[in-house]
Amino acid sequence: MTGTAEHQTTERRVVLLTATLTSFMTPFMASSINIALPAIARDFALSAVALTWVATAFILPTAIFLLPFGRLADIRGRKRVFTWGTALFTVSSVLCGLSPSATFLIVFRALQGISAAMLFSTGTAILTSVYPAKERGRVLGLNVGAVYIGLSLGPSLGGLMVQQLSWRSLFMGSAVLGAITVVSLRWLHSEWAEAEGEGFDLTGTAIYAVSLTALMLGFSVLPATAGVGWIVTGAIGLATFLGWELRQQHPVLDVRLLTGNAVFAFSNLAALINYSANFSVTFLLSLYLQYVKGLSPQGAGLVLVAQPLLMSTLSPIAGRLSDRIEPRTLASTGMACTALALLLLTALGRETSLAFIVACLILNGIGFAFFSSPNTNAIMSSVDRRFYGVASAMTATMRMTGQIFSMGTAMLLFSLYIGPVPITAANHHLFLRSMHIALMIFTAVSVVGVFASLARGTLHSAIGQSGDAETRKQ
C-alpha cells in the first residue's frame, strides 16, 4: 500500500508540474504576442486588419481541433495526445521564430494552434483523472493560476524581450519551455483512456471542422456580403453536426451532456460569454497604450500586467473556495465585476490617466479570477470520468470560440472604421471609436453572462446526476 501511495503521490506531482508548465506556455505566448504586434507590423508592413490574423491564425485551429482531440484522448490515451501536443508546440514555436514573412508566420501560428488544442483538451482532464474530487478545486485553481502567471509575465517579460531582443525571441523562449516539458514527461508512466475501444466519429469531426471554419471566416470578412454567406453556412453546418451526433453510438460530442446536465451546459455557456467579452480587451489596450499613449512595448506591458497579476494571485484561492461554496455564486460575482470593469473602460480617451486604466484592469482581474476556477471546477465535477477529455475539450472550445468571437468583433470594427491601412496618428480617432464600440458590446455581453452563470443550478445536485462514481464514494 505504501508503494502504491508513494507512486500516486509522485504521479500527481508530475502531472501537476507538466500540466501547469503547459498552462503557462500558451497564455504567455498569447499575451506577449499582443505586445509584439506593433513590432511585427513594422517588420512585415501589416495593416490593422491583417495584424489580427497573427492572433486569429492561432485561435481558429485550436477551436476546431479541441473536441476531436479531447475525444481521441479519451479513446487512445490522454498522456499520448498531451505528449505529442507538447512536441508539436515546441517545433512550431521554433518555426514561428524563424519566419521570413507574415505568410509563414501565420501558417506556423496555425500549427501552434493545433498543438495548443492537444494540450488544452488533455491537461485539465489528466489533472481531474489523478486528483480526487475533494482536491480538484485546489489543483484546478493552481492550474488556472499558472495560466494567469503566463498572462502576467507576457506583457512585462514579453515587452522587455521585444524591446531588448526582438519579437522572435518570444517564440524561441516558448520552445525552450516546451522542450523542458517533453523531458519531464519521461517520469509519467500511467495512461488514462476510460473510453478505450470506443469508435471515433470521423464524419462528425469533419462536419464540425468545416462548419466552425466557415463561421469564423464569415466573421473575419464582415461586413462584406460573403461574410453573411459564410456565417449562414457555418450555422447550418453546426446544426447538422448536432443532429448527426445525436444518432451516433460514439459521438465526438455527447449532446446529452448539454441537454441533460444543466451545470455542464450553463457553465460552458458562461465560459463562452466570459471569453467573448474579455479576450480582445488586452489586444485593444496594447494597441491603445502604444499607439495613442505612446508607450514602449515594455511600458505597455507593465501597465497590462495588473490584470493577470490579480488573476494569478486569486485564482487558487477562488478554486479552493469552490470546493466549499457553490461555484455559481463565485463565478456570477466574478462576471459582475468584469462587466463593471469593461463599462469603466468605455471612458478611455487620449488624456485618460494610467492610474485609471490600472484600476480597471485590477477590477477585471479580480472578476476573472473568481469566475474561471470555480467555473472550471463546476464543469469537470459535473460529468462522469469517461467524459473528462470531452469535458476538458468542451471547456477549452468555449474559451477559444469566445476568443474568436472577441477578435472577430475587433476585426469587424477595424474594417468598418479604419480599413485596410496601418494604424497611424492620422487615424487614432478612428481607432478610439472602434475600441469604444467594442468595449460597449463586451460590457453588454458580460451582463448577459451574469444571468447565464446564475442559471446553472447547484453543483451538488449535478454531481448526483452525473454518475461520477469517485465523487459518490466520498
Protein backbone atom coordinates (compact mmCIF):
# COMPACT_ATOMS: atom_id res chain seq x y z
CA MET A 1 0.00 0.00 0.00
CA THR A 2 2.86 2.35 0.83
CA GLY A 3 4.46 1.83 -2.55
CA THR A 4 1.12 2.47 -4.28
CA ALA A 5 0.54 5.61 -2.22
CA GLU A 6 4.05 6.86 -2.99
CA HIS A 7 3.54 6.11 -6.69
CA GLN A 8 0.23 8.03 -6.69
CA THR A 9 1.85 10.99 -4.93
CA THR A 10 4.76 11.09 -7.40
CA GLU A 11 2.40 10.72 -10.34
CA ARG A 12 0.20 13.54 -9.12
CA ARG A 13 3.20 15.83 -8.69
CA VAL A 14 4.49 15.09 -12.19
CA VAL A 15 1.03 15.65 -13.68
CA LEU A 16 0.63 18.92 -11.79
CA LEU A 17 4.10 20.07 -12.89
CA THR A 18 3.67 19.27 -16.59
CA ALA A 19 0.06 20.46 -16.79
CA THR A 20 1.00 23.67 -15.00
CA LEU A 21 4.00 24.28 -17.25
CA THR A 22 1.95 23.86 -20.43
CA SER A 23 -0.81 26.01 -18.90
CA PHE A 24 1.82 28.72 -18.51
CA MET A 25 3.35 28.42 -22.01
CA THR A 26 0.40 29.15 -24.25
CA PRO A 27 -1.01 32.12 -22.27
CA PHE A 28 2.48 33.60 -22.05
CA MET A 29 2.72 33.37 -25.81
CA ALA A 30 -0.77 34.80 -26.32
CA SER A 31 -0.26 37.82 -24.05
CA SER A 32 3.31 38.57 -25.16
CA ILE A 33 2.27 38.42 -28.83
CA ASN A 34 -0.19 41.25 -28.15
CA ILE A 35 2.73 43.41 -27.02
CA ALA A 36 4.79 42.34 -30.05
CA LEU A 37 2.12 43.11 -32.66
CA PRO A 38 3.29 46.67 -33.48
CA ALA A 39 6.86 45.36 -33.96
CA ILE A 40 5.61 42.54 -36.21
CA ALA A 41 3.50 45.06 -38.15
CA ARG A 42 6.60 47.21 -38.76
CA ASP A 43 8.74 44.26 -39.87
CA PHE A 44 6.15 42.88 -42.28
CA ALA A 45 4.24 46.12 -43.15
CA LEU A 46 0.88 44.74 -41.98
CA SER A 47 -2.42 46.65 -41.84
CA ALA A 48 -4.59 46.70 -38.70
CA VAL A 49 -6.91 44.04 -40.14
CA ALA A 50 -4.06 41.80 -41.34
CA LEU A 51 -2.46 42.11 -37.92
CA THR A 52 -5.46 40.47 -36.27
CA TRP A 53 -4.71 37.32 -38.28
CA VAL A 54 -1.45 36.82 -36.37
CA ALA A 55 -3.66 36.19 -33.33
CA THR A 56 -6.63 34.59 -35.12
CA ALA A 57 -4.45 32.08 -37.01
CA PHE A 58 -3.62 30.54 -33.63
CA ILE A 59 -7.13 30.65 -32.18
CA LEU A 60 -9.08 29.22 -35.14
CA PRO A 61 -7.33 25.81 -35.47
CA THR A 62 -7.29 25.50 -31.69
CA ALA A 63 -11.07 25.87 -31.57
CA ILE A 64 -11.54 23.44 -34.48
CA PHE A 65 -9.41 20.62 -33.09
CA LEU A 66 -10.22 20.79 -29.38
CA LEU A 67 -13.25 18.50 -29.35
CA PRO A 68 -11.76 15.91 -31.76
CA PHE A 69 -8.52 15.70 -29.76
CA GLY A 70 -10.46 15.55 -26.49
CA ARG A 71 -12.46 12.60 -27.76
CA LEU A 72 -9.35 10.96 -29.25
CA ALA A 73 -7.57 11.37 -25.89
CA ASP A 74 -10.42 9.57 -24.08
CA ILE A 75 -10.09 6.69 -26.56
CA ARG A 76 -6.35 6.43 -27.25
CA GLY A 77 -4.88 7.94 -24.08
CA ARG A 78 -4.65 11.44 -22.65
CA LYS A 79 -0.94 11.21 -21.92
CA ARG A 80 -0.22 10.21 -25.54
CA VAL A 81 -2.10 13.19 -27.01
CA PHE A 82 -0.61 15.51 -24.40
CA THR A 83 2.94 14.38 -25.21
CA TRP A 84 2.56 14.77 -28.97
CA GLY A 85 0.94 18.16 -28.43
CA THR A 86 3.88 19.36 -26.36
CA ALA A 87 6.36 18.20 -29.01
CA LEU A 88 4.42 19.91 -31.83
CA PHE A 89 4.17 23.13 -29.80
CA THR A 90 7.94 23.12 -29.35
CA VAL A 91 8.68 22.61 -33.05
CA SER A 92 6.08 25.12 -34.27
CA SER A 93 7.42 27.75 -31.85
CA VAL A 94 10.88 27.42 -33.41
CA LEU A 95 9.36 27.73 -36.90
CA CYS A 96 7.45 30.88 -35.86
CA GLY A 97 10.66 32.39 -34.56
CA LEU A 98 12.38 31.74 -37.90
CA SER A 99 9.51 33.00 -40.11
CA PRO A 100 10.81 35.01 -43.10
CA SER A 101 7.43 36.61 -43.89
CA ALA A 102 3.97 37.27 -42.47
CA THR A 103 2.53 34.39 -44.51
CA PHE A 104 4.94 31.88 -42.97
CA LEU A 105 4.32 33.31 -39.51
CA ILE A 106 0.55 32.91 -39.86
CA VAL A 107 0.92 29.33 -41.15
CA PHE A 108 3.24 28.35 -38.29
CA ARG A 109 0.92 30.07 -35.81
CA ALA A 110 -1.80 27.75 -37.11
CA LEU A 111 0.45 24.77 -36.28
CA GLN A 112 0.88 26.23 -32.82
CA GLY A 113 -2.90 26.37 -32.58
CA ILE A 114 -3.24 22.67 -33.42
CA SER A 115 -0.69 21.78 -30.75
CA ALA A 116 -2.50 24.00 -28.25
CA ALA A 117 -5.71 22.05 -28.94
CA MET A 118 -3.89 18.84 -27.99
CA LEU A 119 -2.68 20.42 -24.74
CA PHE A 120 -5.90 22.21 -23.75
CA SER A 121 -8.05 19.12 -24.34
CA THR A 122 -5.90 16.87 -22.13
CA GLY A 123 -4.16 18.90 -19.40
CA THR A 124 -7.23 19.60 -17.28
CA ALA A 125 -8.58 16.09 -17.98
CA ILE A 126 -5.36 14.45 -16.70
CA LEU A 127 -5.41 16.59 -13.56
CA THR A 128 -9.02 15.64 -12.93
CA SER A 129 -8.17 11.97 -13.54
CA VAL A 130 -5.44 11.76 -10.87
CA TYR A 131 -6.82 14.03 -8.14
CA PRO A 132 -9.89 13.12 -6.04
CA ALA A 133 -12.98 15.35 -6.18
CA LYS A 134 -12.27 16.96 -2.79
CA GLU A 135 -8.92 18.30 -4.09
CA ARG A 136 -9.96 19.34 -7.60
CA GLY A 137 -10.80 22.92 -6.79
CA ARG A 138 -7.34 23.41 -5.28
CA VAL A 139 -5.33 21.88 -8.14
CA LEU A 140 -7.52 23.42 -10.83
CA GLY A 141 -7.05 26.74 -9.06
CA LEU A 142 -3.27 26.25 -9.18
CA ASN A 143 -3.52 25.31 -12.85
CA VAL A 144 -5.61 28.36 -13.68
CA GLY A 145 -3.17 30.39 -11.59
CA ALA A 146 -0.36 29.22 -13.90
CA VAL A 147 -2.40 30.44 -16.85
CA TYR A 148 -2.59 33.88 -15.32
CA ILE A 149 1.07 33.91 -14.31
CA GLY A 150 1.76 33.35 -18.01
CA LEU A 151 -0.59 36.20 -18.82
CA SER A 152 1.13 38.32 -16.16
CA LEU A 153 4.67 37.74 -17.41
CA GLY A 154 3.63 38.00 -21.06
CA PRO A 155 3.21 41.79 -21.15
CA SER A 156 6.10 42.60 -18.78
CA LEU A 157 8.74 40.00 -19.64
CA GLY A 158 7.48 39.78 -23.22
CA GLY A 159 7.66 43.55 -23.60
CA LEU A 160 11.22 43.53 -22.27
CA MET A 161 12.22 40.73 -24.68
CA VAL A 162 10.65 42.52 -27.66
CA GLN A 163 12.33 45.81 -26.76
CA GLN A 164 15.78 44.41 -25.93
CA LEU A 165 15.92 41.47 -28.35
CA SER A 166 13.11 41.08 -30.89
CA TRP A 167 9.64 39.61 -31.22
CA ARG A 168 11.26 36.38 -32.47
CA SER A 169 12.76 35.78 -29.01
CA LEU A 170 9.22 35.18 -27.65
CA PHE A 171 8.81 32.08 -29.81
CA MET A 172 12.28 30.76 -29.03
CA GLY A 173 11.67 31.17 -25.30
CA SER A 174 8.41 29.21 -25.58
CA ALA A 175 10.25 26.47 -27.48
CA VAL A 176 12.67 26.08 -24.57
CA LEU A 177 9.78 25.65 -22.11
CA GLY A 178 8.20 23.10 -24.45
CA ALA A 179 11.41 21.09 -24.60
CA ILE A 180 11.64 21.05 -20.79
CA THR A 181 8.07 19.74 -20.59
CA VAL A 182 8.76 16.96 -23.10
CA VAL A 183 11.71 15.79 -20.99
CA SER A 184 9.61 15.94 -17.79
CA LEU A 185 7.00 13.61 -19.30
CA ARG A 186 9.56 10.76 -19.19
CA TRP A 187 8.69 10.37 -15.48
CA LEU A 188 4.98 9.96 -16.18
CA HIS A 189 4.23 6.27 -16.82
CA SER A 190 0.46 5.96 -16.38
CA GLU A 191 -2.10 6.37 -19.13
CA TRP A 192 -5.75 7.37 -18.96
CA ALA A 193 -8.20 6.16 -21.60
CA GLU A 194 -11.57 5.39 -19.96
CA ALA A 195 -13.25 5.26 -23.40
CA GLU A 196 -10.69 2.84 -24.87
CA GLY A 197 -12.17 0.61 -27.56
CA GLU A 198 -14.97 3.00 -28.49
CA GLY A 199 -15.20 4.33 -32.04
CA PHE A 200 -14.10 7.73 -33.27
CA ASP A 201 -16.65 9.72 -35.29
CA LEU A 202 -14.57 10.91 -38.23
CA THR A 203 -17.57 12.15 -40.23
CA GLY A 204 -18.87 14.22 -37.33
CA THR A 205 -15.39 15.65 -36.82
CA ALA A 206 -15.22 16.73 -40.48
CA ILE A 207 -18.67 18.38 -40.34
CA TYR A 208 -17.70 20.19 -37.15
CA ALA A 209 -14.34 21.41 -38.52
CA VAL A 210 -15.80 22.71 -41.80
CA SER A 211 -18.75 24.38 -40.05
CA LEU A 212 -16.64 26.16 -37.45
CA THR A 213 -14.17 27.29 -40.11
CA ALA A 214 -16.99 28.73 -42.23
CA LEU A 215 -18.48 30.51 -39.22
CA MET A 216 -15.20 32.09 -38.19
CA LEU A 217 -14.25 33.04 -41.75
CA GLY A 218 -17.60 34.76 -42.03
CA PHE A 219 -16.89 36.94 -39.02
CA SER A 220 -13.44 37.75 -40.35
CA VAL A 221 -14.71 39.15 -43.70
CA LEU A 222 -17.76 41.05 -42.46
CA PRO A 223 -19.31 43.44 -43.42
CA ALA A 224 -18.83 42.02 -46.93
CA THR A 225 -21.81 40.05 -48.32
CA ALA A 226 -19.64 36.93 -48.47
CA GLY A 227 -19.28 37.13 -44.69
CA VAL A 228 -23.02 36.69 -44.20
CA GLY A 229 -23.00 33.69 -46.52
CA TRP A 230 -20.15 32.04 -44.64
CA ILE A 231 -21.88 32.62 -41.29
CA VAL A 232 -25.16 31.12 -42.51
CA THR A 233 -23.27 28.13 -43.95
CA GLY A 234 -21.42 27.63 -40.66
CA ALA A 235 -24.62 27.87 -38.59
CA ILE A 236 -26.37 25.29 -40.79
CA GLY A 237 -23.31 23.07 -40.56
CA LEU A 238 -23.24 23.22 -36.75
CA ALA A 239 -26.95 22.37 -36.60
CA THR A 240 -26.25 19.42 -38.92
CA PHE A 241 -23.37 18.37 -36.66
CA LEU A 242 -25.59 18.31 -33.56
CA GLY A 243 -28.23 16.27 -35.40
CA TRP A 244 -25.57 13.83 -36.62
CA GLU A 245 -24.09 13.43 -33.14
CA LEU A 246 -27.49 12.55 -31.65
CA ARG A 247 -27.62 9.49 -33.95
CA GLN A 248 -24.10 8.22 -33.23
CA GLN A 249 -23.26 5.48 -30.75
CA HIS A 250 -19.86 7.05 -30.03
CA PRO A 251 -20.15 10.76 -30.88
CA VAL A 252 -17.35 13.32 -30.75
CA LEU A 253 -19.65 15.36 -28.52
CA ASP A 254 -22.28 13.59 -26.46
CA VAL A 255 -25.11 16.10 -26.87
CA ARG A 256 -26.78 14.66 -23.76
CA LEU A 257 -24.08 16.41 -21.73
CA LEU A 258 -25.66 19.67 -22.89
CA THR A 259 -29.33 18.69 -22.84
CA GLY A 260 -29.41 16.66 -19.61
CA ASN A 261 -26.85 18.39 -17.38
CA ALA A 262 -27.72 21.99 -16.51
CA VAL A 263 -24.49 22.67 -14.63
CA PHE A 264 -22.35 21.47 -17.54
CA ALA A 265 -24.41 23.31 -20.18
CA PHE A 266 -24.74 26.68 -18.45
CA SER A 267 -21.17 26.63 -17.10
CA ASN A 268 -19.88 26.19 -20.64
CA LEU A 269 -22.23 28.92 -21.89
CA ALA A 270 -20.91 31.22 -19.16
CA ALA A 271 -17.33 30.43 -20.22
CA LEU A 272 -18.17 31.23 -23.86
CA ILE A 273 -19.68 34.58 -22.85
CA ASN A 274 -16.85 35.47 -20.48
CA TYR A 275 -14.10 34.93 -23.06
CA SER A 276 -16.16 36.60 -25.80
CA ALA A 277 -16.26 39.72 -23.63
CA ASN A 278 -12.67 39.64 -22.40
CA PHE A 279 -10.15 38.24 -24.82
CA SER A 280 -9.61 41.11 -27.25
CA VAL A 281 -9.56 43.71 -24.45
CA THR A 282 -5.83 43.11 -23.89
CA PHE A 283 -5.27 43.24 -27.66
CA LEU A 284 -7.08 46.59 -27.88
CA LEU A 285 -5.39 48.05 -24.81
CA SER A 286 -1.95 47.00 -26.05
CA LEU A 287 -2.51 48.93 -29.28
CA TYR A 288 -4.08 51.85 -27.37
CA LEU A 289 -1.17 52.16 -24.95
CA GLN A 290 1.48 52.03 -27.67
CA TYR A 291 -0.21 53.98 -30.47
CA VAL A 292 -2.37 56.51 -28.62
CA LYS A 293 -0.49 56.89 -25.32
CA GLY A 294 2.95 56.48 -26.94
CA LEU A 295 4.30 53.89 -24.50
CA SER A 296 7.10 51.48 -25.38
CA PRO A 297 6.38 47.73 -25.54
CA GLN A 298 7.94 47.36 -22.10
CA GLY A 299 5.93 50.29 -20.69
CA ALA A 300 2.66 48.94 -22.11
CA GLY A 301 3.48 45.54 -20.65
CA LEU A 302 3.98 46.99 -17.18
CA VAL A 303 0.52 48.59 -17.34
CA LEU A 304 -1.20 45.47 -18.65
CA VAL A 305 0.42 43.22 -16.03
CA ALA A 306 -2.01 44.48 -13.37
CA GLN A 307 -4.91 42.31 -14.54
CA PRO A 308 -3.22 38.89 -14.89
CA LEU A 309 -1.24 39.51 -11.69
CA LEU A 310 -4.51 39.67 -9.74
CA MET A 311 -5.82 36.69 -11.68
CA SER A 312 -2.79 34.51 -10.86
CA THR A 313 -2.87 35.50 -7.18
CA LEU A 314 -6.60 35.00 -6.59
CA SER A 315 -7.37 32.00 -8.85
CA PRO A 316 -6.02 29.35 -6.42
CA ILE A 317 -8.00 30.99 -3.60
CA ALA A 318 -11.16 31.03 -5.71
CA GLY A 319 -10.54 27.38 -6.66
CA ARG A 320 -10.28 26.31 -3.02
CA LEU A 321 -13.40 28.28 -2.16
CA SER A 322 -15.32 26.48 -4.92
CA ASP A 323 -14.75 23.17 -3.10
CA ARG A 324 -16.97 24.55 -0.30
CA ILE A 325 -19.08 27.34 -1.83
CA GLU A 326 -21.37 26.83 -4.82
CA PRO A 327 -19.39 27.73 -7.97
CA ARG A 328 -22.31 29.65 -9.46
CA THR A 329 -22.17 32.15 -6.58
CA LEU A 330 -18.45 32.82 -7.00
CA ALA A 331 -18.49 32.77 -10.81
CA SER A 332 -21.52 35.05 -11.11
CA THR A 333 -19.95 37.57 -8.74
CA GLY A 334 -16.77 37.47 -10.79
CA MET A 335 -18.69 38.05 -14.02
CA ALA A 336 -20.43 41.06 -12.48
CA CYS A 337 -17.03 42.57 -11.58
CA THR A 338 -15.90 42.05 -15.17
CA ALA A 339 -18.99 43.82 -16.53
CA LEU A 340 -18.31 46.82 -14.29
CA ALA A 341 -14.63 46.96 -15.30
CA LEU A 342 -15.47 46.89 -19.01
CA LEU A 343 -18.09 49.60 -18.53
CA LEU A 344 -15.48 51.85 -16.91
CA LEU A 345 -13.03 51.20 -19.76
CA THR A 346 -15.50 52.63 -22.27
CA ALA A 347 -14.45 56.05 -20.93
CA LEU A 348 -10.88 55.73 -22.28
CA GLY A 349 -9.57 58.69 -24.26
CA ARG A 350 -6.32 60.38 -25.24
CA GLU A 351 -5.94 62.02 -21.82
CA THR A 352 -7.05 59.12 -19.61
CA SER A 353 -4.63 58.56 -16.74
CA LEU A 354 -2.66 55.33 -16.46
CA ALA A 355 -3.85 55.04 -12.84
CA PHE A 356 -7.47 54.80 -14.04
CA ILE A 357 -6.55 52.12 -16.60
CA VAL A 358 -4.67 50.09 -13.98
CA ALA A 359 -7.63 50.34 -11.56
CA CYS A 360 -9.97 48.99 -14.24
CA LEU A 361 -7.57 46.15 -15.02
CA ILE A 362 -7.33 45.25 -11.33
CA LEU A 363 -11.12 45.07 -11.05
CA ASN A 364 -11.31 42.93 -14.19
CA GLY A 365 -8.55 40.67 -12.85
CA ILE A 366 -10.50 40.09 -9.63
CA GLY A 367 -13.63 39.31 -11.61
CA PHE A 368 -11.87 36.92 -13.97
CA ALA A 369 -10.17 35.04 -11.11
CA PHE A 370 -13.41 34.47 -9.24
CA PHE A 371 -15.12 33.32 -12.41
CA SER A 372 -12.64 30.97 -14.07
CA SER A 373 -11.50 28.50 -11.38
CA PRO A 374 -14.98 27.88 -9.88
CA ASN A 375 -16.48 27.60 -13.36
CA THR A 376 -13.89 25.01 -14.44
CA ASN A 377 -14.41 23.06 -11.20
CA ALA A 378 -18.16 23.02 -11.84
CA ILE A 379 -17.72 21.69 -15.39
CA MET A 380 -15.23 18.93 -14.57
CA SER A 381 -17.09 17.78 -11.44
CA SER A 382 -20.44 17.52 -13.21
CA VAL A 383 -19.53 14.67 -15.60
CA ASP A 384 -18.53 11.01 -15.44
CA ARG A 385 -14.82 10.06 -15.64
CA ARG A 386 -15.07 8.69 -19.19
CA PHE A 387 -16.10 12.16 -20.37
CA TYR A 388 -13.20 14.04 -18.75
CA GLY A 389 -11.38 14.50 -22.05
CA VAL A 390 -14.50 15.73 -23.84
CA ALA A 391 -15.43 17.97 -20.88
CA SER A 392 -11.94 19.45 -20.80
CA ALA A 393 -12.05 19.95 -24.57
CA MET A 394 -15.54 21.44 -24.40
CA THR A 395 -14.40 23.95 -21.80
CA ALA A 396 -11.41 24.92 -23.92
CA THR A 397 -13.61 25.05 -27.04
CA MET A 398 -15.88 27.56 -25.33
CA ARG A 399 -12.81 29.55 -24.35
CA MET A 400 -11.30 29.52 -27.83
CA THR A 401 -14.62 30.11 -29.61
CA GLY A 402 -15.22 33.05 -27.29
CA GLN A 403 -11.77 34.37 -28.14
CA ILE A 404 -12.55 34.07 -31.85
CA PHE A 405 -15.83 35.97 -31.44
CA SER A 406 -13.98 38.59 -29.42
CA MET A 407 -11.23 39.01 -32.03
CA GLY A 408 -13.85 38.84 -34.77
CA THR A 409 -15.65 41.78 -33.18
CA ALA A 410 -12.42 43.80 -33.08
CA MET A 411 -11.60 42.80 -36.67
CA LEU A 412 -15.07 43.80 -37.89
CA LEU A 413 -14.89 47.19 -36.18
CA PHE A 414 -11.38 47.82 -37.54
CA SER A 415 -12.68 47.01 -41.03
CA LEU A 416 -15.62 49.37 -40.64
CA TYR A 417 -13.79 52.33 -39.10
CA ILE A 418 -10.09 52.08 -40.04
CA GLY A 419 -9.98 49.96 -43.18
CA PRO A 420 -7.03 48.01 -44.67
CA VAL A 421 -4.36 50.51 -43.60
CA PRO A 422 -1.82 50.64 -40.75
CA ILE A 423 -2.73 52.48 -37.53
CA THR A 424 -1.15 55.95 -37.62
CA ALA A 425 -1.58 59.29 -35.83
CA ALA A 426 -3.95 60.36 -38.61
CA ASN A 427 -6.48 57.63 -37.77
CA HIS A 428 -6.08 57.42 -33.99
CA HIS A 429 -9.56 58.91 -33.58
CA LEU A 430 -10.99 56.09 -35.72
CA PHE A 431 -9.12 53.52 -33.66
CA LEU A 432 -10.54 55.02 -30.45
CA ARG A 433 -14.06 54.97 -31.86
CA SER A 434 -13.82 51.31 -32.83
CA MET A 435 -12.34 50.45 -29.43
CA HIS A 436 -15.15 52.27 -27.58
CA ILE A 437 -17.84 50.43 -29.53
CA ALA A 438 -16.10 47.10 -28.91
CA LEU A 439 -15.95 47.75 -25.15
CA MET A 440 -19.64 48.71 -25.08
CA ILE A 441 -20.53 45.45 -26.82
CA PHE A 442 -18.35 43.46 -24.41
CA THR A 443 -19.97 45.16 -21.42
CA ALA A 444 -23.45 44.16 -22.61
CA VAL A 445 -22.27 40.60 -23.26
CA SER A 446 -20.87 40.36 -19.71
CA VAL A 447 -24.19 41.43 -18.22
CA VAL A 448 -25.90 38.60 -20.11
CA GLY A 449 -23.17 36.28 -18.80
CA VAL A 450 -24.09 37.02 -15.18
CA PHE A 451 -27.57 35.59 -15.77
CA ALA A 452 -26.21 32.58 -17.69
CA SER A 453 -23.89 31.83 -14.77
CA LEU A 454 -26.72 32.08 -12.23
CA ALA A 455 -28.92 29.76 -14.31
CA ARG A 456 -26.59 26.75 -13.99
CA GLY A 457 -28.10 25.37 -10.76
CA THR A 458 -26.14 23.82 -7.89
CA LEU A 459 -23.08 21.63 -8.32
CA HIS A 460 -24.08 19.13 -5.62
CA SER A 461 -27.26 18.10 -7.41
CA ALA A 462 -25.37 17.84 -10.70
CA ILE A 463 -22.78 15.54 -9.15
CA GLY A 464 -25.60 13.29 -8.02
CA GLN A 465 -26.93 13.10 -11.59
CA SER A 466 -23.60 12.77 -13.41
CA GLY A 467 -22.62 9.28 -12.39
CA ASP A 468 -19.21 10.34 -11.10
CA ALA A 469 -18.52 7.19 -9.12
CA GLU A 470 -15.50 8.57 -7.38
CA THR A 471 -17.43 11.59 -6.14
CA ARG A 472 -20.30 9.49 -4.82
CA LYS A 473 -17.95 7.28 -2.83
CA GLN A 474 -16.62 10.21 -0.82
